[in-house]
Amino acid sequence: MSYISISLYKKIVNHGLAEGLTKEDLSALPVSLEKMEQLQAVPSDQFFATHELLDDKLGPGFSVRVGQEMKIDDYGVLGLSWRTCSWAGEIFVRSERYFKLLSDTYVFKVEKRDDWSYIYLHREPHRRGVELSNEATLSATVVVLQAITETDILPVQVAFKHKAPSDLASYNKAFQCELLFEQPHYYIAYKTKDLELRTAKADESINKFLVERVKEETEGIEADLIQFTKDIERLIQEALPSGIPSVGHIAEHIGMSNRTLTRRLAEHGVTFRDLIKKTQENIAKDLLTNSNRSIAEIAFETGFSEQSAFNRAFKRWAHQSPLEFRNK
């Protein structure tokens, strides 16, 4: 059975209330206001039915307006991972891996063509509620990209498979670009250079690293090994939610060649692979001890695409399973 996170369900319901609906107006909800506080997810058909009910009551553009109100924190662990992306378009890499934590109905794919990049949302609109949910997703994309880059970047084109609604006011306000309807695919397109923008978090982290390296060279001293490896470990930790980073990925961010980074670590008897394993192990043990995140969430946070692979790796590190470690 396909599902949608209760956090997304709550978002559309609460926005309906914010637009003037009463609890009586929502008495026909598939999941009541009281019951949704006890759930972690709802069946996708109930989520889509709720979208339809709210759109009927509040008129065209409700879903787009909901998307404009989405906050990064509304996405839970997925939103946390977005905050540490190095570049704007990386959120779609993480969404491909992480969105199953919110729903198993979304599939994102990015295709670069000339100066534009197209983010396709592959979710067939078998009912109107899916059309509305797709609209909300594309609308939320605009908000999320602006939030993580702290800029006003906007798409250059948005396409929908369904017919145009009777009122486009909310669509024009949200997207501020060319809108296409009755198209073969749902997508939102950006200038590729905009998706390559550094995120605010990445700039802060990388800038700190580079300032320290400039200071090191100016003073003519070698950086302390502990500080140097801590800096590399921090960058590895930020990259792990998108998968295990390569030495080239980290070297590029700190302005070093692969060879120089590898040599600097080797001079002190440390390998890049050592730091990957150490960082994964430290993150995993910390989250198992100090958070209530599921094993699946922790697996993604440490760079694994499957929980089974994480379980095997953790057993090599700690000589016990993640669950045994947490219970102990």
C-alpha atoms as a PDB file:
ATOM      1  CA  MET A   1       0.000   0.000   0.000  1.00  0.00           C
ATOM      2  CA  SER A   2       1.361   3.444  -0.889  1.00  0.00           C
ATOM      3  CA  TYR A   3       1.560   6.001   1.908  1.00  0.00           C
ATOM      4  CA  ILE A   4       2.114   9.702   2.663  1.00  0.00           C
ATOM      5  CA  SER A   5       3.758  11.076   5.816  1.00  0.00           C
ATOM      6  CA  ILE A   6       1.337  12.461   8.375  1.00  0.00           C
ATOM      7  CA  SER A   7       3.378  15.696   8.405  1.00  0.00           C
ATOM      8  CA  LEU A   8       2.342  16.408   4.794  1.00  0.00           C
ATOM      9  CA  TYR A   9      -1.260  15.474   5.557  1.00  0.00           C
ATOM     10  CA  LYS A  10      -1.316  17.856   8.533  1.00  0.00           C
ATOM     11  CA  LYS A  11       0.158  20.608   6.383  1.00  0.00           C
ATOM     12  CA  ILE A  12      -2.683  20.636   3.863  1.00  0.00           C
ATOM     13  CA  VAL A  13      -5.347  20.309   6.561  1.00  0.00           C
ATOM     14  CA  ASN A  14      -3.885  23.126   8.673  1.00  0.00           C
ATOM     15  CA  HIS A  15      -3.578  25.316   5.616  1.00  0.00           C
ATOM     16  CA  GLY A  16      -7.244  24.703   4.873  1.00  0.00           C
ATOM     17  CA  LEU A  17      -8.052  25.952   8.369  1.00  0.00           C
ATOM     18  CA  ALA A  18      -5.742  28.948   7.840  1.00  0.00           C
ATOM     19  CA  GLU A  19      -7.676  29.861   4.684  1.00  0.00           C
ATOM     20  CA  GLY A  20     -10.904  30.023   6.650  1.00  0.00           C
ATOM     21  CA  LEU A  21     -12.358  26.525   6.857  1.00  0.00           C
ATOM     22  CA  THR A  22     -13.887  25.401  10.150  1.00  0.00           C
ATOM     23  CA  LYS A  23     -13.646  22.062  11.888  1.00  0.00           C
ATOM     24  CA  GLU A  24     -17.210  21.439  10.764  1.00  0.00           C
ATOM     25  CA  ASP A  25     -16.117  21.981   7.156  1.00  0.00           C
ATOM     26  CA  LEU A  26     -13.571  19.220   7.675  1.00  0.00           C
ATOM     27  CA  SER A  27     -15.906  16.704   9.274  1.00  0.00           C
ATOM     28  CA  ALA A  28     -15.733  14.543   6.135  1.00  0.00           C
ATOM     29  CA  LEU A  29     -11.942  14.189   6.232  1.00  0.00           C
ATOM     30  CA  PRO A  30     -10.741  10.608   5.607  1.00  0.00           C
ATOM     31  CA  VAL A  31      -8.518  11.028   8.686  1.00  0.00           C
ATOM     32  CA  SER A  32     -10.046  13.216  11.393  1.00  0.00           C
ATOM     33  CA  LEU A  33      -8.238  16.079  13.120  1.00  0.00           C
ATOM     34  CA  GLU A  34      -8.098  14.031  16.323  1.00  0.00           C
ATOM     35  CA  LYS A  35      -6.895  10.801  14.731  1.00  0.00           C
ATOM     36  CA  MET A  36      -4.095  12.373  12.711  1.00  0.00           C
ATOM     37  CA  GLU A  37      -2.233  13.200  15.940  1.00  0.00           C
ATOM     38  CA  GLN A  38      -1.811   9.476  16.553  1.00  0.00           C
ATOM     39  CA  LEU A  39      -0.477   8.456  13.137  1.00  0.00           C
ATOM     40  CA  GLN A  40       2.863   8.523  11.335  1.00  0.00           C
ATOM     41  CA  ALA A  41       1.463   8.088   7.816  1.00  0.00           C
ATOM     42  CA  VAL A  42      -1.826   7.836   5.931  1.00  0.00           C
ATOM     43  CA  PRO A  43      -2.741   5.772   2.868  1.00  0.00           C
ATOM     44  CA  SER A  44      -2.036   7.815  -0.241  1.00  0.00           C
ATOM     45  CA  ASP A  45      -5.628   7.547  -1.492  1.00  0.00           C
ATOM     46  CA  GLN A  46      -6.847   9.207   1.704  1.00  0.00           C
ATOM     47  CA  PHE A  47      -4.272  11.965   1.252  1.00  0.00           C
ATOM     48  CA  PHE A  48      -5.381  12.555  -2.342  1.00  0.00           C
ATOM     49  CA  ALA A  49      -9.050  12.525  -1.304  1.00  0.00           C
ATOM     50  CA  THR A  50      -8.287  15.230   1.255  1.00  0.00           C
ATOM     51  CA  HIS A  51      -6.600  17.347  -1.425  1.00  0.00           C
ATOM     52  CA  GLU A  52      -9.746  17.035  -3.547  1.00  0.00           C
ATOM     53  CA  LEU A  53     -12.057  17.952  -0.674  1.00  0.00           C
ATOM     54  CA  LEU A  54     -10.042  21.057   0.250  1.00  0.00           C
ATOM     55  CA  ASP A  55      -9.700  22.178  -3.360  1.00  0.00           C
ATOM     56  CA  ASP A  56     -13.468  21.873  -3.831  1.00  0.00           C
ATOM     57  CA  LYS A  57     -14.050  24.110  -0.819  1.00  0.00           C
ATOM     58  CA  LEU A  58     -11.297  26.676  -1.404  1.00  0.00           C
ATOM     59  CA  GLY A  59     -11.103  26.832  -5.194  1.00  0.00           C
ATOM     60  CA  PRO A  60      -8.354  26.704  -7.831  1.00  0.00           C
ATOM     61  CA  GLY A  61      -4.811  27.220  -6.627  1.00  0.00           C
ATOM     62  CA  PHE A  62      -5.253  25.790  -3.115  1.00  0.00           C
ATOM     63  CA  SER A  63      -2.553  23.173  -3.708  1.00  0.00           C
ATOM     64  CA  VAL A  64      -0.120  25.755  -5.079  1.00  0.00           C
ATOM     65  CA  ARG A  65      -0.737  27.976  -2.063  1.00  0.00           C
ATOM     66  CA  VAL A  66      -0.059  25.040   0.248  1.00  0.00           C
ATOM     67  CA  GLY A  67       3.249  24.460  -1.538  1.00  0.00           C
ATOM     68  CA  GLN A  68       4.221  28.086  -0.969  1.00  0.00           C
ATOM     69  CA  GLU A  69       3.733  27.604   2.779  1.00  0.00           C
ATOM     70  CA  MET A  70       5.983  24.559   3.062  1.00  0.00           C
ATOM     71  CA  LYS A  71       8.985  24.947   5.368  1.00  0.00           C
ATOM     72  CA  ILE A  72      12.105  22.812   5.301  1.00  0.00           C
ATOM     73  CA  ASP A  73      11.292  21.549   8.796  1.00  0.00           C
ATOM     74  CA  ASP A  74       7.992  20.148   7.484  1.00  0.00           C
ATOM     75  CA  TYR A  75       9.996  17.452   5.680  1.00  0.00           C
ATOM     76  CA  GLY A  76      11.540  15.967   8.810  1.00  0.00           C
ATOM     77  CA  VAL A  77      14.839  14.171   8.304  1.00  0.00           C
ATOM     78  CA  LEU A  78      14.694  14.908   4.581  1.00  0.00           C
ATOM     79  CA  GLY A  79      14.597  18.620   5.369  1.00  0.00           C
ATOM     80  CA  LEU A  80      17.514  18.221   7.769  1.00  0.00           C
ATOM     81  CA  SER A  81      19.534  16.629   5.003  1.00  0.00           C
ATOM     82  CA  TRP A  82      18.666  19.463   2.604  1.00  0.00           C
ATOM     83  CA  ARG A  83      20.157  21.982   5.021  1.00  0.00           C
ATOM     84  CA  THR A  84      23.601  20.446   4.577  1.00  0.00           C
ATOM     85  CA  CYS A  85      23.562  20.212   0.781  1.00  0.00           C
ATOM     86  CA  SER A  86      26.586  21.857  -0.840  1.00  0.00           C
ATOM     87  CA  TRP A  87      24.731  23.099  -3.931  1.00  0.00           C
ATOM     88  CA  ALA A  88      21.097  23.777  -4.706  1.00  0.00           C
ATOM     89  CA  GLY A  89      20.477  20.928  -7.156  1.00  0.00           C
ATOM     90  CA  GLU A  90      21.787  18.406  -4.655  1.00  0.00           C
ATOM     91  CA  ILE A  91      18.417  18.422  -2.914  1.00  0.00           C
ATOM     92  CA  PHE A  92      17.067  16.327  -5.791  1.00  0.00           C
ATOM     93  CA  VAL A  93      19.880  13.785  -5.363  1.00  0.00           C
ATOM     94  CA  ARG A  94      18.873  13.476  -1.733  1.00  0.00           C
ATOM     95  CA  SER A  95      15.190  13.387  -2.581  1.00  0.00           C
ATOM     96  CA  GLU A  96      15.736  10.357  -4.821  1.00  0.00           C
ATOM     97  CA  ARG A  97      17.233   8.545  -1.828  1.00  0.00           C
ATOM     98  CA  TYR A  98      15.179   9.994   1.001  1.00  0.00           C
ATOM     99  CA  PHE A  99      11.656  10.654  -0.190  1.00  0.00           C
ATOM    100  CA  LYS A 100      10.616   7.130   0.719  1.00  0.00           C
ATOM    101  CA  LEU A 101      10.763   8.365   4.318  1.00  0.00           C
ATOM    102  CA  LEU A 102       7.844  10.682   3.494  1.00  0.00           C
ATOM    103  CA  SER A 103       6.115   8.717   0.753  1.00  0.00           C
ATOM    104  CA  ASP A 104       6.673   5.923  -1.725  1.00  0.00           C
ATOM    105  CA  THR A 105       4.700   7.705  -4.454  1.00  0.00           C
ATOM    106  CA  TYR A 106       7.302  10.263  -5.624  1.00  0.00           C
ATOM    107  CA  VAL A 107      10.058   9.787  -8.215  1.00  0.00           C
ATOM    108  CA  PHE A 108      12.328  12.728  -9.118  1.00  0.00           C
ATOM    109  CA  LYS A 109      14.751  12.780 -12.041  1.00  0.00           C
ATOM    110  CA  VAL A 110      16.937  15.663 -13.228  1.00  0.00           C
ATOM    111  CA  GLU A 111      17.870  16.103 -16.871  1.00  0.00           C
ATOM    112  CA  LYS A 112      20.298  18.796 -18.045  1.00  0.00           C
ATOM    113  CA  ARG A 113      19.698  20.270 -21.482  1.00  0.00           C
ATOM    114  CA  ASP A 114      21.859  23.133 -22.698  1.00  0.00           C
ATOM    115  CA  ASP A 115      21.469  25.980 -20.188  1.00  0.00           C
ATOM    116  CA  TRP A 116      18.371  24.574 -18.460  1.00  0.00           C
ATOM    117  CA  SER A 117      17.887  21.686 -16.066  1.00  0.00           C
ATOM    118  CA  TYR A 118      14.516  19.904 -15.939  1.00  0.00           C
ATOM    119  CA  ILE A 119      13.348  18.319 -12.685  1.00  0.00           C
ATOM    120  CA  TYR A 120      10.761  15.704 -13.632  1.00  0.00           C
ATOM    121  CA  LEU A 121       8.158  14.542 -11.151  1.00  0.00           C
ATOM    122  CA  HIS A 122       7.142  11.077 -12.286  1.00  0.00           C
ATOM    123  CA  ARG A 123       3.834  10.402 -10.557  1.00  0.00           C
ATOM    124  CA  GLU A 124       0.915   9.537 -12.787  1.00  0.00           C
ATOM    125  CA  PRO A 125      -2.282  11.517 -12.073  1.00  0.00           C
ATOM    126  CA  HIS A 126      -4.729   8.630 -11.868  1.00  0.00           C
ATOM    127  CA  ARG A 127      -7.094  10.929  -9.958  1.00  0.00           C
ATOM    128  CA  ARG A 128      -7.506  14.661  -9.411  1.00  0.00           C
ATOM    129  CA  GLY A 129      -5.951  14.475  -5.952  1.00  0.00           C
ATOM    130  CA  VAL A 130      -2.660  13.369  -7.506  1.00  0.00           C
ATOM    131  CA  GLU A 131      -2.776  16.332  -9.902  1.00  0.00           C
ATOM    132  CA  LEU A 132      -3.258  18.656  -6.938  1.00  0.00           C
ATOM    133  CA  SER A 133      -0.508  17.020  -4.912  1.00  0.00           C
ATOM    134  CA  ASN A 134       1.872  17.309  -7.870  1.00  0.00           C
ATOM    135  CA  GLU A 135       1.077  21.005  -8.101  1.00  0.00           C
ATOM    136  CA  ALA A 136       1.859  21.427  -4.392  1.00  0.00           C
ATOM    137  CA  THR A 137       5.166  19.581  -4.823  1.00  0.00           C
ATOM    138  CA  LEU A 138       6.309  21.756  -7.714  1.00  0.00           C
ATOM    139  CA  SER A 139       5.242  24.876  -5.830  1.00  0.00           C
ATOM    140  CA  ALA A 140       7.135  23.782  -2.709  1.00  0.00           C
ATOM    141  CA  THR A 141      10.247  23.226  -4.829  1.00  0.00           C
ATOM    142  CA  VAL A 142      10.414  26.970  -5.486  1.00  0.00           C
ATOM    143  CA  VAL A 143      10.255  27.734  -1.758  1.00  0.00           C
ATOM    144  CA  VAL A 144      12.831  25.131  -0.730  1.00  0.00           C
ATOM    145  CA  LEU A 145      15.402  26.201  -3.317  1.00  0.00           C
ATOM    146  CA  GLN A 146      15.057  29.821  -2.262  1.00  0.00           C
ATOM    147  CA  ALA A 147      15.400  28.859   1.402  1.00  0.00           C
ATOM    148  CA  ILE A 148      18.588  26.812   1.089  1.00  0.00           C
ATOM    149  CA  THR A 149      20.299  29.313  -1.219  1.00  0.00           C
ATOM    150  CA  GLU A 150      18.909  32.403   0.544  1.00  0.00           C
ATOM    151  CA  THR A 151      18.248  33.929  -2.879  1.00  0.00           C
ATOM    152  CA  ASP A 152      15.162  34.716  -4.940  1.00  0.00           C
ATOM    153  CA  ILE A 153      15.911  32.224  -7.723  1.00  0.00           C
ATOM    154  CA  LEU A 154      12.859  31.305  -9.782  1.00  0.00           C
ATOM    155  CA  PRO A 155      12.090  28.609 -12.345  1.00  0.00           C
ATOM    156  CA  VAL A 156      12.035  29.384 -16.039  1.00  0.00           C
ATOM    157  CA  GLN A 157       9.232  26.982 -16.950  1.00  0.00           C
ATOM    158  CA  VAL A 158       6.739  24.674 -15.224  1.00  0.00           C
ATOM    159  CA  ALA A 159       4.745  21.947 -16.964  1.00  0.00           C
ATOM    160  CA  PHE A 160       1.621  20.038 -15.900  1.00  0.00           C
ATOM    161  CA  LYS A 161      -0.042  17.021 -17.485  1.00  0.00           C
ATOM    162  CA  HIS A 162      -3.579  18.155 -16.625  1.00  0.00           C
ATOM    163  CA  LYS A 163      -5.670  20.947 -18.052  1.00  0.00           C
ATOM    164  CA  ALA A 164      -5.306  24.545 -16.918  1.00  0.00           C
ATOM    165  CA  PRO A 165      -7.570  25.537 -14.006  1.00  0.00           C
ATOM    166  CA  SER A 166     -10.108  28.324 -14.364  1.00  0.00           C
ATOM    167  CA  ASP A 167      -8.045  30.747 -12.272  1.00  0.00           C
ATOM    168  CA  LEU A 168      -4.255  31.016 -12.666  1.00  0.00           C
ATOM    169  CA  ALA A 169      -3.643  33.793 -10.132  1.00  0.00           C
ATOM    170  CA  SER A 170      -2.041  31.547  -7.497  1.00  0.00           C
ATOM    171  CA  TYR A 171       0.066  29.783 -10.140  1.00  0.00           C
ATOM    172  CA  ASN A 172       1.420  33.011 -11.597  1.00  0.00           C
ATOM    173  CA  LYS A 173       2.248  34.370  -8.145  1.00  0.00           C
ATOM    174  CA  ALA A 174       4.061  31.186  -7.074  1.00  0.00           C
ATOM    175  CA  PHE A 175       6.069  30.361 -10.201  1.00  0.00           C
ATOM    176  CA  GLN A 176       6.466  33.722 -11.999  1.00  0.00           C
ATOM    177  CA  CYS A 177       7.446  31.983 -15.233  1.00  0.00           C
ATOM    178  CA  GLU A 178       5.978  30.275 -18.282  1.00  0.00           C
ATOM    179  CA  LEU A 179       3.272  27.738 -17.379  1.00  0.00           C
ATOM    180  CA  LEU A 180       2.457  24.844 -19.697  1.00  0.00           C
ATOM    181  CA  PHE A 181      -0.568  22.561 -19.333  1.00  0.00           C
ATOM    182  CA  GLU A 182      -1.600  19.270 -20.983  1.00  0.00           C
ATOM    183  CA  GLN A 183       2.063  18.308 -21.376  1.00  0.00           C
ATOM    184  CA  PRO A 184       3.596  14.796 -21.509  1.00  0.00           C
ATOM    185  CA  HIS A 185       5.285  15.216 -18.107  1.00  0.00           C
ATOM    186  CA  TYR A 186       5.221  17.168 -14.883  1.00  0.00           C
ATOM    187  CA  TYR A 187       8.425  19.152 -14.483  1.00  0.00           C
ATOM    188  CA  ILE A 188       9.917  22.360 -13.189  1.00  0.00           C
ATOM    189  CA  ALA A 189      12.865  23.830 -15.094  1.00  0.00           C
ATOM    190  CA  TYR A 190      15.629  26.082 -13.799  1.00  0.00           C
ATOM    191  CA  LYS A 191      18.684  27.647 -15.331  1.00  0.00           C
ATOM    192  CA  THR A 192      21.449  25.139 -14.656  1.00  0.00           C
ATOM    193  CA  LYS A 193      23.666  27.851 -13.198  1.00  0.00           C
ATOM    194  CA  ASP A 194      21.006  28.555 -10.565  1.00  0.00           C
ATOM    195  CA  LEU A 195      20.924  24.902  -9.483  1.00  0.00           C
ATOM    196  CA  GLU A 196      24.714  25.039  -9.154  1.00  0.00           C
ATOM    197  CA  LEU A 197      24.519  27.845  -6.577  1.00  0.00           C
ATOM    198  CA  ARG A 198      26.228  27.127  -3.283  1.00  0.00           C
ATOM    199  CA  THR A 199      23.850  26.742  -0.386  1.00  0.00           C
ATOM    200  CA  ALA A 200      24.054  29.034   2.612  1.00  0.00           C
ATOM    201  CA  LYS A 201      25.137  26.150   4.857  1.00  0.00           C
ATOM    202  CA  ALA A 202      27.849  25.039   2.453  1.00  0.00           C
ATOM    203  CA  ASP A 203      29.209  28.559   2.127  1.00  0.00           C
ATOM    204  CA  GLU A 204      29.474  28.899   5.905  1.00  0.00           C
ATOM    205  CA  SER A 205      31.194  25.545   6.374  1.00  0.00           C
ATOM    206  CA  ILE A 206      33.521  25.764   3.390  1.00  0.00           C
ATOM    207  CA  ASN A 207      34.377  29.393   4.058  1.00  0.00           C
ATOM    208  CA  LYS A 208      35.449  28.517   7.601  1.00  0.00           C
ATOM    209  CA  PHE A 209      37.661  25.753   6.279  1.00  0.00           C
ATOM    210  CA  LEU A 210      39.307  27.935   3.628  1.00  0.00           C
ATOM    211  CA  VAL A 211      39.934  30.792   6.068  1.00  0.00           C
ATOM    212  CA  GLU A 212      41.703  28.365   8.376  1.00  0.00           C
ATOM    213  CA  ARG A 213      43.805  27.045   5.492  1.00  0.00           C
ATOM    214  CA  VAL A 214      44.781  30.591   4.401  1.00  0.00           C
ATOM    215  CA  LYS A 215      45.758  31.406   7.962  1.00  0.00           C
ATOM    216  CA  GLU A 216      47.812  28.231   8.102  1.00  0.00           C
ATOM    217  CA  GLU A 217      49.744  29.105   4.944  1.00  0.00           C
ATOM    218  CA  THR A 218      50.226  32.745   5.987  1.00  0.00           C
ATOM    219  CA  GLU A 219      51.730  31.788   9.306  1.00  0.00           C
ATOM    220  CA  GLY A 220      53.850  29.132   7.649  1.00  0.00           C
ATOM    221  CA  ILE A 221      52.755  26.352   9.968  1.00  0.00           C
ATOM    222  CA  GLU A 222      51.188  22.982   9.492  1.00  0.00           C
ATOM    223  CA  ALA A 223      47.622  22.640  10.663  1.00  0.00           C
ATOM    224  CA  ASP A 224      47.189  20.461  13.664  1.00  0.00           C
ATOM    225  CA  LEU A 225      46.236  16.963  12.504  1.00  0.00           C
ATOM    226  CA  ILE A 226      43.256  16.802  14.812  1.00  0.00           C
ATOM    227  CA  GLN A 227      41.805  20.057  13.492  1.00  0.00           C
ATOM    228  CA  PHE A 228      42.535  19.171   9.875  1.00  0.00           C
ATOM    229  CA  THR A 229      40.853  15.771  10.099  1.00  0.00           C
ATOM    230  CA  LYS A 230      37.926  17.278  12.032  1.00  0.00           C
ATOM    231  CA  ASP A 231      37.384  19.705   9.175  1.00  0.00           C
ATOM    232  CA  ILE A 232      37.426  16.884   6.634  1.00  0.00           C
ATOM    233  CA  GLU A 233      35.117  14.788   8.806  1.00  0.00           C
ATOM    234  CA  ARG A 234      32.657  17.685   9.024  1.00  0.00           C
ATOM    235  CA  LEU A 235      32.533  17.984   5.241  1.00  0.00           C
ATOM    236  CA  ILE A 236      32.124  14.219   4.918  1.00  0.00           C
ATOM    237  CA  GLN A 237      29.252  14.295   7.414  1.00  0.00           C
ATOM    238  CA  GLU A 238      27.480  17.013   5.432  1.00  0.00           C
ATOM    239  CA  ALA A 239      27.876  15.015   2.214  1.00  0.00           C
ATOM    240  CA  LEU A 240      26.835  11.577   3.521  1.00  0.00           C
ATOM    241  CA  PRO A 241      23.047  12.015   3.152  1.00  0.00           C
ATOM    242  CA  SER A 242      23.631  12.164  -0.619  1.00  0.00           C
ATOM    243  CA  GLY A 243      25.737   9.002  -0.519  1.00  0.00           C
ATOM    244  CA  ILE A 244      29.349   8.294   0.350  1.00  0.00           C
ATOM    245  CA  PRO A 245      31.431  11.166  -1.077  1.00  0.00           C
ATOM    246  CA  SER A 246      34.529  10.604  -3.164  1.00  0.00           C
ATOM    247  CA  VAL A 247      37.888  12.100  -2.284  1.00  0.00           C
ATOM    248  CA  GLY A 248      37.474  14.280  -5.376  1.00  0.00           C
ATOM    249  CA  HIS A 249      34.140  15.627  -4.086  1.00  0.00           C
ATOM    250  CA  ILE A 250      35.705  16.758  -0.785  1.00  0.00           C
ATOM    251  CA  ALA A 251      38.936  17.983  -2.367  1.00  0.00           C
ATOM    252  CA  GLU A 252      37.010  20.194  -4.775  1.00  0.00           C
ATOM    253  CA  HIS A 253      35.163  21.881  -1.913  1.00  0.00           C
ATOM    254  CA  ILE A 254      38.346  22.778  -0.025  1.00  0.00           C
ATOM    255  CA  GLY A 255      40.342  23.950  -3.022  1.00  0.00           C
ATOM    256  CA  MET A 256      42.813  21.054  -3.068  1.00  0.00           C
ATOM    257  CA  SER A 257      43.629  18.465  -5.680  1.00  0.00           C
ATOM    258  CA  ASN A 258      42.803  14.826  -4.955  1.00  0.00           C
ATOM    259  CA  ARG A 259      46.506  14.074  -4.707  1.00  0.00           C
ATOM    260  CA  THR A 260      47.216  16.893  -2.251  1.00  0.00           C
ATOM    261  CA  LEU A 261      44.377  15.929   0.062  1.00  0.00           C
ATOM    262  CA  THR A 262      45.381  12.273  -0.031  1.00  0.00           C
ATOM    263  CA  ARG A 263      49.030  13.183   0.629  1.00  0.00           C
ATOM    264  CA  ARG A 264      48.174  15.477   3.526  1.00  0.00           C
ATOM    265  CA  LEU A 265      46.224  12.700   5.196  1.00  0.00           C
ATOM    266  CA  ALA A 266      48.852  10.055   4.410  1.00  0.00           C
ATOM    267  CA  GLU A 267      51.581  12.145   6.037  1.00  0.00           C
ATOM    268  CA  HIS A 268      49.834  11.516   9.334  1.00  0.00           C
ATOM    269  CA  GLY A 269      48.956   7.889   8.675  1.00  0.00           C
ATOM    270  CA  VAL A 270      45.298   8.539   7.862  1.00  0.00           C
ATOM    271  CA  THR A 271      43.440   7.578   4.687  1.00  0.00           C
ATOM    272  CA  PHE A 272      40.313   9.137   3.278  1.00  0.00           C
ATOM    273  CA  ARG A 273      38.575   5.774   3.597  1.00  0.00           C
ATOM    274  CA  ASP A 274      39.516   5.739   7.307  1.00  0.00           C
ATOM    275  CA  LEU A 275      37.762   9.063   7.789  1.00  0.00           C
ATOM    276  CA  ILE A 276      34.665   7.893   5.910  1.00  0.00           C
ATOM    277  CA  LYS A 277      34.316   4.852   8.167  1.00  0.00           C
ATOM    278  CA  LYS A 278      35.092   6.814  11.328  1.00  0.00           C
ATOM    279  CA  THR A 279      32.552   9.501  10.466  1.00  0.00           C
ATOM    280  CA  GLN A 280      29.859   6.959   9.591  1.00  0.00           C
ATOM    281  CA  GLU A 281      30.449   5.066  12.812  1.00  0.00           C
ATOM    282  CA  ASN A 282      30.422   8.192  14.977  1.00  0.00           C
ATOM    283  CA  ILE A 283      27.222   9.512  13.409  1.00  0.00           C
ATOM    284  CA  ALA A 284      25.494   6.154  13.699  1.00  0.00           C
ATOM    285  CA  LYS A 285      26.413   5.628  17.346  1.00  0.00           C
ATOM    286  CA  ASP A 286      25.452   9.181  18.265  1.00  0.00           C
ATOM    287  CA  LEU A 287      22.026   8.954  16.594  1.00  0.00           C
ATOM    288  CA  LEU A 288      21.325   5.527  18.043  1.00  0.00           C
ATOM    289  CA  THR A 289      22.183   6.806  21.512  1.00  0.00           C
ATOM    290  CA  ASN A 290      20.818  10.336  21.482  1.00  0.00           C
ATOM    291  CA  SER A 291      17.871  10.343  19.064  1.00  0.00           C
ATOM    292  CA  ASN A 292      14.674   8.439  18.367  1.00  0.00           C
ATOM    293  CA  ARG A 293      15.269   8.260  14.618  1.00  0.00           C
ATOM    294  CA  SER A 294      14.492   4.945  13.003  1.00  0.00           C
ATOM    295  CA  ILE A 295      17.265   2.590  11.860  1.00  0.00           C
ATOM    296  CA  ALA A 296      16.269   3.360   8.260  1.00  0.00           C
ATOM    297  CA  GLU A 297      16.690   7.098   8.785  1.00  0.00           C
ATOM    298  CA  ILE A 298      20.084   6.605  10.412  1.00  0.00           C
ATOM    299  CA  ALA A 299      21.155   4.385   7.526  1.00  0.00           C
ATOM    300  CA  PHE A 300      20.415   7.193   5.063  1.00  0.00           C
ATOM    301  CA  GLU A 301      22.128   9.774   7.275  1.00  0.00           C
ATOM    302  CA  THR A 302      25.317   7.707   7.170  1.00  0.00           C
ATOM    303  CA  GLY A 303      25.357   7.298   3.407  1.00  0.00           C
ATOM    304  CA  PHE A 304      23.748   3.886   2.934  1.00  0.00           C
ATOM    305  CA  SER A 305      21.022   3.369   0.354  1.00  0.00           C
ATOM    306  CA  GLU A 306      19.718   0.232   2.088  1.00  0.00           C
ATOM    307  CA  GLN A 307      19.179  -0.534   5.753  1.00  0.00           C
ATOM    308  CA  SER A 308      20.540  -4.065   5.323  1.00  0.00           C
ATOM    309  CA  ALA A 309      23.913  -2.716   4.144  1.00  0.00           C
ATOM    310  CA  PHE A 310      24.024  -0.359   7.116  1.00  0.00           C
ATOM    311  CA  ASN A 311      23.218  -3.205   9.506  1.00  0.00           C
ATOM    312  CA  ARG A 312      26.126  -5.276   8.165  1.00  0.00           C
ATOM    313  CA  ALA A 313      28.552  -2.357   8.352  1.00  0.00           C
ATOM    314  CA  PHE A 314      27.497  -1.424  11.873  1.00  0.00           C
ATOM    315  CA  LYS A 315      27.979  -4.979  13.058  1.00  0.00           C
ATOM    316  CA  ARG A 316      31.565  -4.835  11.777  1.00  0.00           C
ATOM    317  CA  TRP A 317      32.138  -1.599  13.697  1.00  0.00           C
ATOM    318  CA  ALA A 318      30.437  -2.432  16.983  1.00  0.00           C
ATOM    319  CA  HIS A 319      30.222  -6.258  16.907  1.00  0.00           C
ATOM    320  CA  GLN A 320      26.477  -5.988  17.466  1.00  0.00           C
ATOM    321  CA  SER A 321      23.444  -4.907  15.478  1.00  0.00           C
ATOM    322  CA  PRO A 322      22.183  -1.298  15.567  1.00  0.00           C
ATOM    323  CA  LEU A 323      19.124  -2.413  17.531  1.00  0.00           C
ATOM    324  CA  GLU A 324      21.248  -4.276  20.069  1.00  0.00           C
ATOM    325  CA  PHE A 325      23.479  -1.223  20.437  1.00  0.00           C
ATOM    326  CA  ARG A 326      20.470   1.071  21.005  1.00  0.00           C
ATOM    327  CA  ASN A 327      18.832  -1.264  23.518  1.00  0.00           C
ATOM    328  CA  LYS A 328      22.073  -1.671  25.412  1.00  0.00           C
END
